[in-house]
Structure formats: C-alpha cells, structure tokens
Amino acid sequence: MLSDYLRRYEIMSIVTALLMVVVGVLQIVIPVKMINLVFTIFAAGLGIKGIIDVFAFIFMDNNARRYSNGLLDGFLCIIGGVLLYLNMDFFKTFLPLIIGVFVIFEAIMKMQVSFLFLTALSSSGWILVFLSSILEIVLGFLLLVYPANALVSVTIASGIILIVSAILEIIETVVMIKKIRYYSIY
C-alpha cells in the first residue's frame, strides 16, 4: 500500500516538474503571449466565479438570501472579468505601476526599520537592511518608469525560476526513488 502511494507520488512529481519546465520555457520564449494567457485565464476565472455566485444566490434559501451579497459579488466579478478581458493592455500597463508603488512603500518602511536598528538597537545589521531597501526603491522606480518591459522581464525571470525549481524537483524525486529502492532491498 505504501509502495503504491510512493509510486504515484513519484510519477506525479516528475509529471508536475516536466509541466513546470514546459511552462518555464514558454515564459522565456514567448513571454508576451504567456502574459496574455495569464490575464485571459484570470479574466475567465473572474467571470466563472461571478456566474457561480449569481447562481448560488438564485438557488439560496430565502432566509440566507437576505443576508447574502452573493448577487452583488457575482455581478462585480462578471463585470470585472469582462473589463479585464476587453482592456487587457491597460491592465498590463497598470499592474506593474501598482506593484512598483507597493515595492517603493515597502522599501521605505524597511528603511525606517534599518534606522531603528541603528538608533535603538545599535545593531550592525542596519547596513544590510538599508542597502536592500535602496535596491528595492530603485527596482520600484524601474517598474514605474518601464512598466511594459518590467512585466516581460518578470515573466522571463519567473520562467527561469520555474525551470530551475522543476529541475531540482526532478533531482529530488530521483534521489528519493533511489533511496527508497535501496532501503527496500535490505
């Protein structure tokens, strides 16, 4: 029974890792199409969630319906999905701007923490925190100045990370298979 479970785990782990490699390669080779695909899937997901919410509201018990906002949630999700799908280029430009502002705010907060380390704790670790916050501010401004390039760069970088992660997963699984077989023989 345990060996069947482990065999299924091995197969699923390798299949998942191979799919990750394929997606990672696609993110590197055709990043713009992959971005469009992600936005399309997200828009479709919003629309489907909205439809499910509307139907759940319709078939809901009358007492529960009084306190539910499922109809509003459903229509907002449907409208959001349609707007996202129809205005994908706007959102592709807008998303890196939001992320850039968020990164800058987080970096400024991190810079405050570094000054707290310096003044209150007299810790030498403040320099590393301060330098990383400066780097994050620069990256945040790059996101604000070059939003389209940033989105493509992030897609390519995530593709590389996905491939490396998948290769590590395959190596891990092969090592685990060998160890299990070695210990099951003796």
N, C-alpha and C. Protein backbone atom coordinates (compact mmCIF):
# COMPACT_ATOMS: atom_id res chain seq x y z
N MET A 1 0.83 -1.18 0.00
CA MET A 1 0.00 0.00 0.00
C MET A 1 0.88 1.26 0.00
N LEU A 2 1.86 1.30 0.86
CA LEU A 2 2.77 2.45 0.90
C LEU A 2 3.56 2.54 -0.40
N SER A 3 3.96 1.39 -0.94
CA SER A 3 4.73 1.41 -2.19
C SER A 3 3.88 1.94 -3.34
N ASP A 4 2.58 1.64 -3.35
CA ASP A 4 1.70 2.20 -4.39
C ASP A 4 1.59 3.71 -4.26
N TYR A 5 1.46 4.17 -3.03
CA TYR A 5 1.39 5.61 -2.80
C TYR A 5 2.68 6.29 -3.25
N LEU A 6 3.81 5.71 -2.90
CA LEU A 6 5.10 6.30 -3.28
C LEU A 6 5.28 6.28 -4.80
N ARG A 7 4.85 5.22 -5.45
CA ARG A 7 4.97 5.14 -6.91
C ARG A 7 4.12 6.23 -7.57
N ARG A 8 2.89 6.43 -7.08
CA ARG A 8 2.04 7.51 -7.62
C ARG A 8 2.66 8.88 -7.36
N TYR A 9 3.22 9.03 -6.17
CA TYR A 9 3.88 10.29 -5.83
C TYR A 9 5.06 10.56 -6.77
N GLU A 10 5.85 9.53 -7.02
CA GLU A 10 7.00 9.68 -7.91
C GLU A 10 6.55 10.12 -9.30
N ILE A 11 5.54 9.45 -9.83
CA ILE A 11 5.05 9.75 -11.17
C ILE A 11 4.48 11.17 -11.22
N MET A 12 3.63 11.51 -10.26
CA MET A 12 3.02 12.84 -10.26
C MET A 12 4.07 13.93 -10.07
N SER A 13 5.06 13.66 -9.26
CA SER A 13 6.11 14.65 -9.03
C SER A 13 6.90 14.91 -10.31
N ILE A 14 7.24 13.87 -11.03
CA ILE A 14 8.00 14.03 -12.27
C ILE A 14 7.14 14.69 -13.35
N VAL A 15 5.88 14.29 -13.46
CA VAL A 15 4.98 14.90 -14.45
C VAL A 15 4.79 16.39 -14.15
N THR A 16 4.59 16.72 -12.88
CA THR A 16 4.43 18.12 -12.50
C THR A 16 5.69 18.92 -12.81
N ALA A 17 6.84 18.34 -12.52
CA ALA A 17 8.10 19.04 -12.80
C ALA A 17 8.29 19.24 -14.31
N LEU A 18 7.93 18.24 -15.11
CA LEU A 18 8.06 18.39 -16.56
C LEU A 18 7.11 19.47 -17.08
N LEU A 19 5.90 19.54 -16.53
CA LEU A 19 4.98 20.61 -16.91
C LEU A 19 5.54 21.98 -16.52
N MET A 20 6.18 22.05 -15.37
CA MET A 20 6.80 23.29 -14.95
C MET A 20 7.91 23.71 -15.91
N VAL A 21 8.68 22.74 -16.39
CA VAL A 21 9.73 23.04 -17.36
C VAL A 21 9.11 23.59 -18.64
N VAL A 22 8.03 22.96 -19.11
CA VAL A 22 7.37 23.42 -20.34
C VAL A 22 6.86 24.85 -20.17
N VAL A 23 6.18 25.12 -19.06
CA VAL A 23 5.66 26.46 -18.82
C VAL A 23 6.81 27.46 -18.69
N GLY A 24 7.88 27.07 -18.01
CA GLY A 24 9.03 27.96 -17.88
C GLY A 24 9.67 28.28 -19.21
N VAL A 25 9.80 27.28 -20.06
CA VAL A 25 10.37 27.53 -21.40
C VAL A 25 9.45 28.45 -22.19
N LEU A 26 8.15 28.22 -22.12
CA LEU A 26 7.21 29.11 -22.82
C LEU A 26 7.30 30.54 -22.29
N GLN A 27 7.49 30.69 -20.98
CA GLN A 27 7.61 32.03 -20.42
C GLN A 27 8.87 32.73 -20.92
N ILE A 28 9.91 31.98 -21.19
CA ILE A 28 11.15 32.57 -21.69
C ILE A 28 11.04 32.85 -23.18
N VAL A 29 10.47 31.92 -23.94
CA VAL A 29 10.43 32.03 -25.40
C VAL A 29 9.36 33.01 -25.88
N ILE A 30 8.17 32.92 -25.31
CA ILE A 30 7.07 33.80 -25.74
C ILE A 30 6.44 34.48 -24.52
N PRO A 31 7.18 35.39 -23.88
CA PRO A 31 6.66 35.99 -22.64
C PRO A 31 5.40 36.82 -22.83
N VAL A 32 5.29 37.53 -23.93
CA VAL A 32 4.11 38.39 -24.13
C VAL A 32 2.85 37.53 -24.28
N LYS A 33 2.95 36.45 -25.02
CA LYS A 33 1.79 35.56 -25.17
C LYS A 33 1.43 34.89 -23.85
N MET A 34 2.43 34.57 -23.06
CA MET A 34 2.15 33.96 -21.75
C MET A 34 1.48 34.97 -20.81
N ILE A 35 1.89 36.23 -20.90
CA ILE A 35 1.23 37.27 -20.10
C ILE A 35 -0.22 37.39 -20.52
N ASN A 36 -0.47 37.40 -21.83
CA ASN A 36 -1.85 37.46 -22.33
C ASN A 36 -2.65 36.25 -21.86
N LEU A 37 -2.03 35.08 -21.88
CA LEU A 37 -2.71 33.87 -21.44
C LEU A 37 -3.08 33.96 -19.96
N VAL A 38 -2.16 34.44 -19.15
CA VAL A 38 -2.44 34.57 -17.71
C VAL A 38 -3.58 35.55 -17.47
N PHE A 39 -3.56 36.69 -18.17
CA PHE A 39 -4.63 37.67 -18.00
C PHE A 39 -5.96 37.10 -18.49
N THR A 40 -5.94 36.34 -19.60
CA THR A 40 -7.17 35.74 -20.12
C THR A 40 -7.73 34.71 -19.13
N ILE A 41 -6.85 33.89 -18.59
CA ILE A 41 -7.28 32.89 -17.61
C ILE A 41 -7.85 33.57 -16.36
N PHE A 42 -7.19 34.64 -15.92
CA PHE A 42 -7.68 35.37 -14.75
C PHE A 42 -9.04 36.00 -15.03
N ALA A 43 -9.20 36.60 -16.22
CA ALA A 43 -10.49 37.20 -16.59
C ALA A 43 -11.58 36.13 -16.65
N ALA A 44 -11.25 34.98 -17.25
CA ALA A 44 -12.23 33.89 -17.32
C ALA A 44 -12.57 33.38 -15.93
N GLY A 45 -11.56 33.28 -15.08
CA GLY A 45 -11.80 32.84 -13.70
C GLY A 45 -12.71 33.79 -12.95
N LEU A 46 -12.50 35.09 -13.14
CA LEU A 46 -13.40 36.06 -12.51
C LEU A 46 -14.83 35.89 -13.02
N GLY A 47 -14.97 35.74 -14.34
CA GLY A 47 -16.30 35.56 -14.92
C GLY A 47 -16.98 34.31 -14.40
N ILE A 48 -16.25 33.21 -14.35
CA ILE A 48 -16.81 31.94 -13.86
C ILE A 48 -17.20 32.06 -12.40
N LYS A 49 -16.34 32.68 -11.60
CA LYS A 49 -16.67 32.88 -10.19
C LYS A 49 -17.94 33.72 -10.05
N GLY A 50 -18.06 34.75 -10.89
CA GLY A 50 -19.25 35.59 -10.86
C GLY A 50 -20.51 34.82 -11.20
N ILE A 51 -20.43 34.00 -12.23
CA ILE A 51 -21.60 33.18 -12.63
C ILE A 51 -21.98 32.23 -11.50
N ILE A 52 -20.98 31.60 -10.89
CA ILE A 52 -21.26 30.68 -9.78
C ILE A 52 -21.91 31.43 -8.62
N ASP A 53 -21.42 32.63 -8.31
CA ASP A 53 -22.01 33.42 -7.22
C ASP A 53 -23.46 33.80 -7.52
N VAL A 54 -23.74 34.18 -8.76
CA VAL A 54 -25.11 34.56 -9.13
C VAL A 54 -26.03 33.35 -8.99
N PHE A 55 -25.61 32.20 -9.52
CA PHE A 55 -26.46 31.01 -9.42
C PHE A 55 -26.61 30.55 -7.97
N ALA A 56 -25.54 30.67 -7.19
CA ALA A 56 -25.64 30.30 -5.77
C ALA A 56 -26.64 31.21 -5.06
N PHE A 57 -26.66 32.48 -5.42
CA PHE A 57 -27.62 33.41 -4.82
C PHE A 57 -29.04 33.06 -5.24
N ILE A 58 -29.22 32.73 -6.51
CA ILE A 58 -30.56 32.41 -7.02
C ILE A 58 -31.14 31.18 -6.32
N PHE A 59 -30.32 30.17 -6.12
CA PHE A 59 -30.80 28.92 -5.53
C PHE A 59 -30.63 28.87 -4.01
N MET A 60 -30.33 30.00 -3.42
CA MET A 60 -30.12 30.09 -1.98
C MET A 60 -31.45 30.12 -1.25
N ASP A 61 -31.43 29.65 -0.04
CA ASP A 61 -32.59 29.71 0.84
C ASP A 61 -32.97 31.18 1.07
N ASN A 62 -34.29 31.46 1.14
CA ASN A 62 -34.76 32.85 1.28
C ASN A 62 -34.19 33.54 2.52
N ASN A 63 -34.11 32.83 3.64
CA ASN A 63 -33.56 33.44 4.85
C ASN A 63 -32.10 33.80 4.68
N ALA A 64 -31.36 32.92 4.05
CA ALA A 64 -29.93 33.19 3.83
C ALA A 64 -29.74 34.28 2.79
N ARG A 65 -30.63 34.35 1.81
CA ARG A 65 -30.51 35.34 0.74
C ARG A 65 -30.59 36.77 1.27
N ARG A 66 -31.35 36.97 2.35
CA ARG A 66 -31.48 38.31 2.92
C ARG A 66 -30.14 38.88 3.37
N TYR A 67 -29.27 38.02 3.84
CA TYR A 67 -28.00 38.46 4.41
C TYR A 67 -26.82 38.22 3.46
N SER A 68 -27.12 37.78 2.28
CA SER A 68 -26.05 37.45 1.33
C SER A 68 -25.79 38.60 0.37
N ASN A 69 -24.55 38.76 0.02
CA ASN A 69 -24.19 39.72 -1.01
C ASN A 69 -23.67 38.98 -2.25
N GLY A 70 -24.09 37.74 -2.39
CA GLY A 70 -23.64 36.90 -3.49
C GLY A 70 -24.01 37.45 -4.86
N LEU A 71 -25.19 38.06 -4.98
CA LEU A 71 -25.61 38.61 -6.27
C LEU A 71 -24.70 39.78 -6.66
N LEU A 72 -24.44 40.66 -5.72
CA LEU A 72 -23.55 41.79 -5.98
C LEU A 72 -22.13 41.30 -6.30
N ASP A 73 -21.62 40.38 -5.49
CA ASP A 73 -20.30 39.82 -5.75
C ASP A 73 -20.24 39.19 -7.13
N GLY A 74 -21.27 38.45 -7.47
CA GLY A 74 -21.31 37.78 -8.76
C GLY A 74 -21.27 38.75 -9.92
N PHE A 75 -22.12 39.77 -9.86
CA PHE A 75 -22.14 40.75 -10.96
C PHE A 75 -20.83 41.54 -11.04
N LEU A 76 -20.26 41.87 -9.88
CA LEU A 76 -18.98 42.59 -9.89
C LEU A 76 -17.86 41.72 -10.49
N CYS A 77 -17.87 40.44 -10.17
CA CYS A 77 -16.86 39.55 -10.75
C CYS A 77 -17.05 39.40 -12.26
N ILE A 78 -18.29 39.27 -12.69
CA ILE A 78 -18.56 39.15 -14.14
C ILE A 78 -18.12 40.43 -14.85
N ILE A 79 -18.50 41.57 -14.31
CA ILE A 79 -18.12 42.85 -14.92
C ILE A 79 -16.59 43.01 -14.89
N GLY A 80 -15.97 42.66 -13.78
CA GLY A 80 -14.51 42.74 -13.68
C GLY A 80 -13.82 41.84 -14.69
N GLY A 81 -14.33 40.62 -14.86
CA GLY A 81 -13.75 39.71 -15.84
C GLY A 81 -13.87 40.22 -17.26
N VAL A 82 -15.05 40.76 -17.59
CA VAL A 82 -15.26 41.31 -18.93
C VAL A 82 -14.36 42.52 -19.16
N LEU A 83 -14.31 43.43 -18.16
CA LEU A 83 -13.45 44.61 -18.29
C LEU A 83 -11.98 44.23 -18.42
N LEU A 84 -11.55 43.27 -17.65
CA LEU A 84 -10.17 42.81 -17.73
C LEU A 84 -9.86 42.24 -19.11
N TYR A 85 -10.78 41.44 -19.62
CA TYR A 85 -10.55 40.82 -20.93
C TYR A 85 -10.55 41.87 -22.05
N LEU A 86 -11.46 42.82 -21.98
CA LEU A 86 -11.56 43.82 -23.04
C LEU A 86 -10.48 44.90 -22.96
N ASN A 87 -9.93 45.12 -21.78
CA ASN A 87 -8.92 46.17 -21.59
C ASN A 87 -7.61 45.58 -21.08
N MET A 88 -7.21 44.46 -21.63
CA MET A 88 -6.02 43.76 -21.15
C MET A 88 -4.76 44.62 -21.22
N ASP A 89 -4.61 45.38 -22.28
CA ASP A 89 -3.41 46.21 -22.43
C ASP A 89 -3.32 47.26 -21.32
N PHE A 90 -4.45 47.85 -20.97
CA PHE A 90 -4.46 48.83 -19.88
C PHE A 90 -4.01 48.19 -18.58
N PHE A 91 -4.56 47.01 -18.28
CA PHE A 91 -4.22 46.34 -17.03
C PHE A 91 -2.79 45.84 -17.02
N LYS A 92 -2.28 45.45 -18.21
CA LYS A 92 -0.88 45.02 -18.28
C LYS A 92 0.06 46.19 -18.00
N THR A 93 -0.36 47.38 -18.33
CA THR A 93 0.43 48.57 -18.02
C THR A 93 0.21 48.99 -16.57
N PHE A 94 -1.00 48.86 -16.10
CA PHE A 94 -1.38 49.32 -14.78
C PHE A 94 -0.81 48.44 -13.66
N LEU A 95 -0.75 47.12 -13.87
CA LEU A 95 -0.30 46.19 -12.84
C LEU A 95 1.14 46.47 -12.39
N PRO A 96 2.10 46.63 -13.32
CA PRO A 96 3.45 46.95 -12.84
C PRO A 96 3.53 48.28 -12.09
N LEU A 97 2.66 49.23 -12.44
CA LEU A 97 2.66 50.50 -11.72
C LEU A 97 2.23 50.30 -10.27
N ILE A 98 1.18 49.50 -10.08
CA ILE A 98 0.72 49.21 -8.72
C ILE A 98 1.80 48.47 -7.94
N ILE A 99 2.40 47.48 -8.58
CA ILE A 99 3.47 46.72 -7.92
C ILE A 99 4.65 47.63 -7.61
N GLY A 100 5.00 48.54 -8.54
CA GLY A 100 6.10 49.46 -8.31
C GLY A 100 5.87 50.36 -7.11
N VAL A 101 4.66 50.91 -7.00
CA VAL A 101 4.33 51.76 -5.86
C VAL A 101 4.39 50.94 -4.57
N PHE A 102 3.86 49.73 -4.61
CA PHE A 102 3.88 48.85 -3.44
C PHE A 102 5.33 48.55 -3.02
N VAL A 103 6.19 48.24 -3.99
CA VAL A 103 7.59 47.92 -3.69
C VAL A 103 8.28 49.13 -3.07
N ILE A 104 8.02 50.32 -3.59
CA ILE A 104 8.63 51.53 -3.05
C ILE A 104 8.17 51.77 -1.61
N PHE A 105 6.87 51.64 -1.35
CA PHE A 105 6.36 51.84 0.01
C PHE A 105 6.97 50.82 0.98
N GLU A 106 7.03 49.57 0.56
CA GLU A 106 7.64 48.54 1.40
C GLU A 106 9.10 48.84 1.67
N ALA A 107 9.82 49.33 0.66
CA ALA A 107 11.24 49.65 0.83
C ALA A 107 11.42 50.82 1.79
N ILE A 108 10.55 51.80 1.71
CA ILE A 108 10.65 52.94 2.64
C ILE A 108 10.40 52.47 4.07
N MET A 109 9.44 51.57 4.24
CA MET A 109 9.19 51.02 5.58
C MET A 109 10.40 50.22 6.07
N LYS A 110 11.03 49.48 5.15
CA LYS A 110 12.22 48.73 5.51
C LYS A 110 13.36 49.67 5.88
N MET A 111 13.45 50.81 5.19
CA MET A 111 14.48 51.80 5.50
C MET A 111 14.26 52.35 6.92
N GLN A 112 13.00 52.56 7.29
CA GLN A 112 12.70 53.01 8.65
C GLN A 112 13.19 51.99 9.66
N VAL A 113 12.97 50.72 9.36
CA VAL A 113 13.41 49.65 10.27
C VAL A 113 14.93 49.68 10.40
N SER A 114 15.62 49.94 9.29
CA SER A 114 17.09 49.99 9.37
C SER A 114 17.55 51.12 10.28
N PHE A 115 16.85 52.26 10.24
CA PHE A 115 17.20 53.37 11.12
C PHE A 115 16.89 53.02 12.57
N LEU A 116 15.84 52.24 12.80
CA LEU A 116 15.55 51.78 14.16
C LEU A 116 16.67 50.87 14.66
N PHE A 117 17.16 49.99 13.78
CA PHE A 117 18.29 49.14 14.16
C PHE A 117 19.49 49.99 14.54
N LEU A 118 19.71 51.05 13.79
CA LEU A 118 20.87 51.91 14.02
C LEU A 118 20.74 52.67 15.34
N THR A 119 19.57 53.30 15.57
CA THR A 119 19.43 54.17 16.74
C THR A 119 19.07 53.41 18.01
N ALA A 120 18.02 52.61 17.94
CA ALA A 120 17.51 51.99 19.16
C ALA A 120 18.31 50.76 19.57
N LEU A 121 18.70 49.96 18.61
CA LEU A 121 19.34 48.69 18.94
C LEU A 121 20.86 48.73 18.82
N SER A 122 21.39 49.77 18.20
CA SER A 122 22.83 49.88 17.95
C SER A 122 23.36 48.61 17.30
N SER A 123 22.59 48.08 16.38
CA SER A 123 22.95 46.84 15.71
C SER A 123 23.70 47.14 14.43
N SER A 124 24.62 46.27 14.08
CA SER A 124 25.37 46.46 12.84
C SER A 124 24.59 45.93 11.63
N GLY A 125 23.49 45.25 11.85
CA GLY A 125 22.70 44.71 10.75
C GLY A 125 21.93 45.75 9.97
N TRP A 126 21.96 46.99 10.41
CA TRP A 126 21.20 48.05 9.76
C TRP A 126 21.71 48.33 8.36
N ILE A 127 22.99 48.13 8.12
CA ILE A 127 23.57 48.45 6.81
C ILE A 127 22.96 47.56 5.73
N LEU A 128 22.88 46.27 6.00
CA LEU A 128 22.31 45.34 5.02
C LEU A 128 20.85 45.67 4.74
N VAL A 129 20.09 45.95 5.77
CA VAL A 129 18.68 46.30 5.60
C VAL A 129 18.55 47.60 4.83
N PHE A 130 19.39 48.57 5.14
CA PHE A 130 19.36 49.86 4.45
C PHE A 130 19.70 49.70 2.97
N LEU A 131 20.75 48.95 2.67
CA LEU A 131 21.15 48.76 1.27
C LEU A 131 20.10 47.99 0.47
N SER A 132 19.48 47.00 1.09
CA SER A 132 18.43 46.27 0.37
C SER A 132 17.21 47.15 0.13
N SER A 133 16.93 48.07 1.06
CA SER A 133 15.81 48.98 0.84
C SER A 133 16.12 49.96 -0.30
N ILE A 134 17.35 50.41 -0.41
CA ILE A 134 17.74 51.28 -1.53
C ILE A 134 17.58 50.52 -2.85
N LEU A 135 18.03 49.27 -2.89
CA LEU A 135 17.88 48.45 -4.10
C LEU A 135 16.41 48.27 -4.46
N GLU A 136 15.57 48.03 -3.47
CA GLU A 136 14.14 47.87 -3.72
C GLU A 136 13.51 49.16 -4.24
N ILE A 137 13.94 50.29 -3.73
CA ILE A 137 13.41 51.57 -4.22
C ILE A 137 13.79 51.75 -5.69
N VAL A 138 15.02 51.42 -6.04
CA VAL A 138 15.45 51.52 -7.44
C VAL A 138 14.62 50.59 -8.31
N LEU A 139 14.41 49.35 -7.86
CA LEU A 139 13.60 48.41 -8.63
C LEU A 139 12.15 48.89 -8.75
N GLY A 140 11.63 49.47 -7.70
CA GLY A 140 10.27 50.02 -7.74
C GLY A 140 10.15 51.13 -8.76
N PHE A 141 11.15 52.01 -8.80
CA PHE A 141 11.13 53.09 -9.80
C PHE A 141 11.28 52.54 -11.21
N LEU A 142 12.06 51.48 -11.38
CA LEU A 142 12.16 50.86 -12.70
C LEU A 142 10.81 50.31 -13.15
N LEU A 143 10.07 49.74 -12.21
CA LEU A 143 8.73 49.27 -12.53
C LEU A 143 7.82 50.42 -12.94
N LEU A 144 7.99 51.57 -12.29
CA LEU A 144 7.15 52.73 -12.62
C LEU A 144 7.54 53.35 -13.96
N VAL A 145 8.83 53.37 -14.26
CA VAL A 145 9.30 54.03 -15.48
C VAL A 145 9.13 53.14 -16.71
N TYR A 146 9.37 51.85 -16.55
CA TYR A 146 9.29 50.91 -17.68
C TYR A 146 8.30 49.78 -17.37
N PRO A 147 7.01 50.08 -17.27
CA PRO A 147 6.06 49.03 -16.84
C PRO A 147 5.95 47.86 -17.83
N ALA A 148 5.95 48.14 -19.13
CA ALA A 148 5.79 47.04 -20.10
C ALA A 148 7.02 46.14 -20.09
N ASN A 149 8.20 46.75 -20.08
CA ASN A 149 9.43 45.95 -20.04
C ASN A 149 9.54 45.17 -18.74
N ALA A 150 9.09 45.78 -17.66
CA ALA A 150 9.17 45.12 -16.36
C ALA A 150 8.31 43.86 -16.33
N LEU A 151 7.13 43.93 -16.90
CA LEU A 151 6.24 42.77 -16.89
C LEU A 151 6.85 41.63 -17.71
N VAL A 152 7.43 41.95 -18.84
CA VAL A 152 8.08 40.92 -19.66
C VAL A 152 9.30 40.36 -18.93
N SER A 153 10.08 41.23 -18.30
CA SER A 153 11.27 40.78 -17.56
C SER A 153 10.89 39.87 -16.40
N VAL A 154 9.84 40.24 -15.69
CA VAL A 154 9.39 39.41 -14.57
C VAL A 154 8.90 38.06 -15.08
N THR A 155 8.22 38.07 -16.23
CA THR A 155 7.74 36.81 -16.80
C THR A 155 8.91 35.91 -17.19
N ILE A 156 9.92 36.48 -17.82
CA ILE A 156 11.09 35.69 -18.20
C ILE A 156 11.82 35.18 -16.96
N ALA A 157 11.99 36.05 -15.96
CA ALA A 157 12.67 35.64 -14.72
C ALA A 157 11.89 34.54 -14.01
N SER A 158 10.56 34.65 -13.98
CA SER A 158 9.77 33.59 -13.34
C SER A 158 9.86 32.30 -14.13
N GLY A 159 10.01 32.39 -15.45
CA GLY A 159 10.22 31.19 -16.26
C GLY A 159 11.51 30.50 -15.90
N ILE A 160 12.58 31.29 -15.72
CA ILE A 160 13.88 30.72 -15.33
C ILE A 160 13.77 30.06 -13.97
N ILE A 161 13.13 30.75 -13.04
CA ILE A 161 12.96 30.20 -11.68
C ILE A 161 12.13 28.92 -11.72
N LEU A 162 11.11 28.89 -12.56
CA LEU A 162 10.27 27.70 -12.70
C LEU A 162 11.07 26.52 -13.23
N ILE A 163 11.91 26.77 -14.22
CA ILE A 163 12.73 25.69 -14.78
C ILE A 163 13.72 25.17 -13.74
N VAL A 164 14.40 26.06 -13.04
CA VAL A 164 15.36 25.64 -12.01
C VAL A 164 14.65 24.85 -10.92
N SER A 165 13.49 25.34 -10.50
CA SER A 165 12.71 24.65 -9.47
C SER A 165 12.29 23.26 -9.94
N ALA A 166 11.88 23.15 -11.20
CA ALA A 166 11.46 21.86 -11.74
C ALA A 166 12.63 20.89 -11.82
N ILE A 167 13.78 21.38 -12.23
CA ILE A 167 14.96 20.51 -12.30
C ILE A 167 15.34 20.02 -10.91
N LEU A 168 15.28 20.89 -9.93
CA LEU A 168 15.55 20.48 -8.55
C LEU A 168 14.53 19.46 -8.06
N GLU A 169 13.28 19.65 -8.45
CA GLU A 169 12.22 18.69 -8.08
C GLU A 169 12.49 17.31 -8.69
N ILE A 170 12.91 17.28 -9.94
CA ILE A 170 13.22 16.01 -10.59
C ILE A 170 14.40 15.34 -9.90
N ILE A 171 15.45 16.09 -9.62
CA ILE A 171 16.62 15.54 -8.93
C ILE A 171 16.22 14.99 -7.57
N GLU A 172 15.43 15.76 -6.83
CA GLU A 172 14.94 15.33 -5.52
C GLU A 172 14.18 14.01 -5.61
N THR A 173 13.30 13.93 -6.58
CA THR A 173 12.48 12.73 -6.75
C THR A 173 13.33 11.53 -7.11
N VAL A 174 14.28 11.71 -8.02
CA VAL A 174 15.15 10.60 -8.42
C VAL A 174 15.99 10.12 -7.23
N VAL A 175 16.52 11.05 -6.45
CA VAL A 175 17.30 10.67 -5.27
C VAL A 175 16.41 9.92 -4.28
N MET A 176 15.19 10.40 -4.08
CA MET A 176 14.28 9.74 -3.16
C MET A 176 13.93 8.33 -3.65
N ILE A 177 13.69 8.19 -4.96
CA ILE A 177 13.39 6.87 -5.53
C ILE A 177 14.54 5.91 -5.27
N LYS A 178 15.77 6.37 -5.53
CA LYS A 178 16.94 5.51 -5.32
C LYS A 178 17.09 5.11 -3.87
N LYS A 179 16.86 6.05 -2.95
CA LYS A 179 16.99 5.72 -1.52
C LYS A 179 15.91 4.74 -1.08
N ILE A 180 14.69 4.95 -1.58
CA ILE A 180 13.61 4.03 -1.20
C ILE A 180 13.90 2.64 -1.72
N ARG A 181 14.34 2.55 -2.96
CA ARG A 181 14.67 1.22 -3.53
C ARG A 181 15.84 0.59 -2.80
N TYR A 182 16.83 1.38 -2.42
CA TYR A 182 18.00 0.85 -1.71
C TYR A 182 17.59 0.28 -0.36
N TYR A 183 16.76 1.01 0.38
CA TYR A 183 16.37 0.55 1.70
C TYR A 183 15.33 -0.55 1.65
N SER A 184 14.56 -0.64 0.57
CA SER A 184 13.57 -1.71 0.49
C SER A 184 14.22 -3.04 0.11
N ILE A 185 15.42 -2.99 -0.47
CA ILE A 185 16.12 -4.24 -0.83
C ILE A 185 16.71 -4.88 0.43
N TYR A 186 17.26 -4.06 1.32
CA TYR A 186 17.93 -4.59 2.50
C TYR A 186 17.03 -4.71 3.68
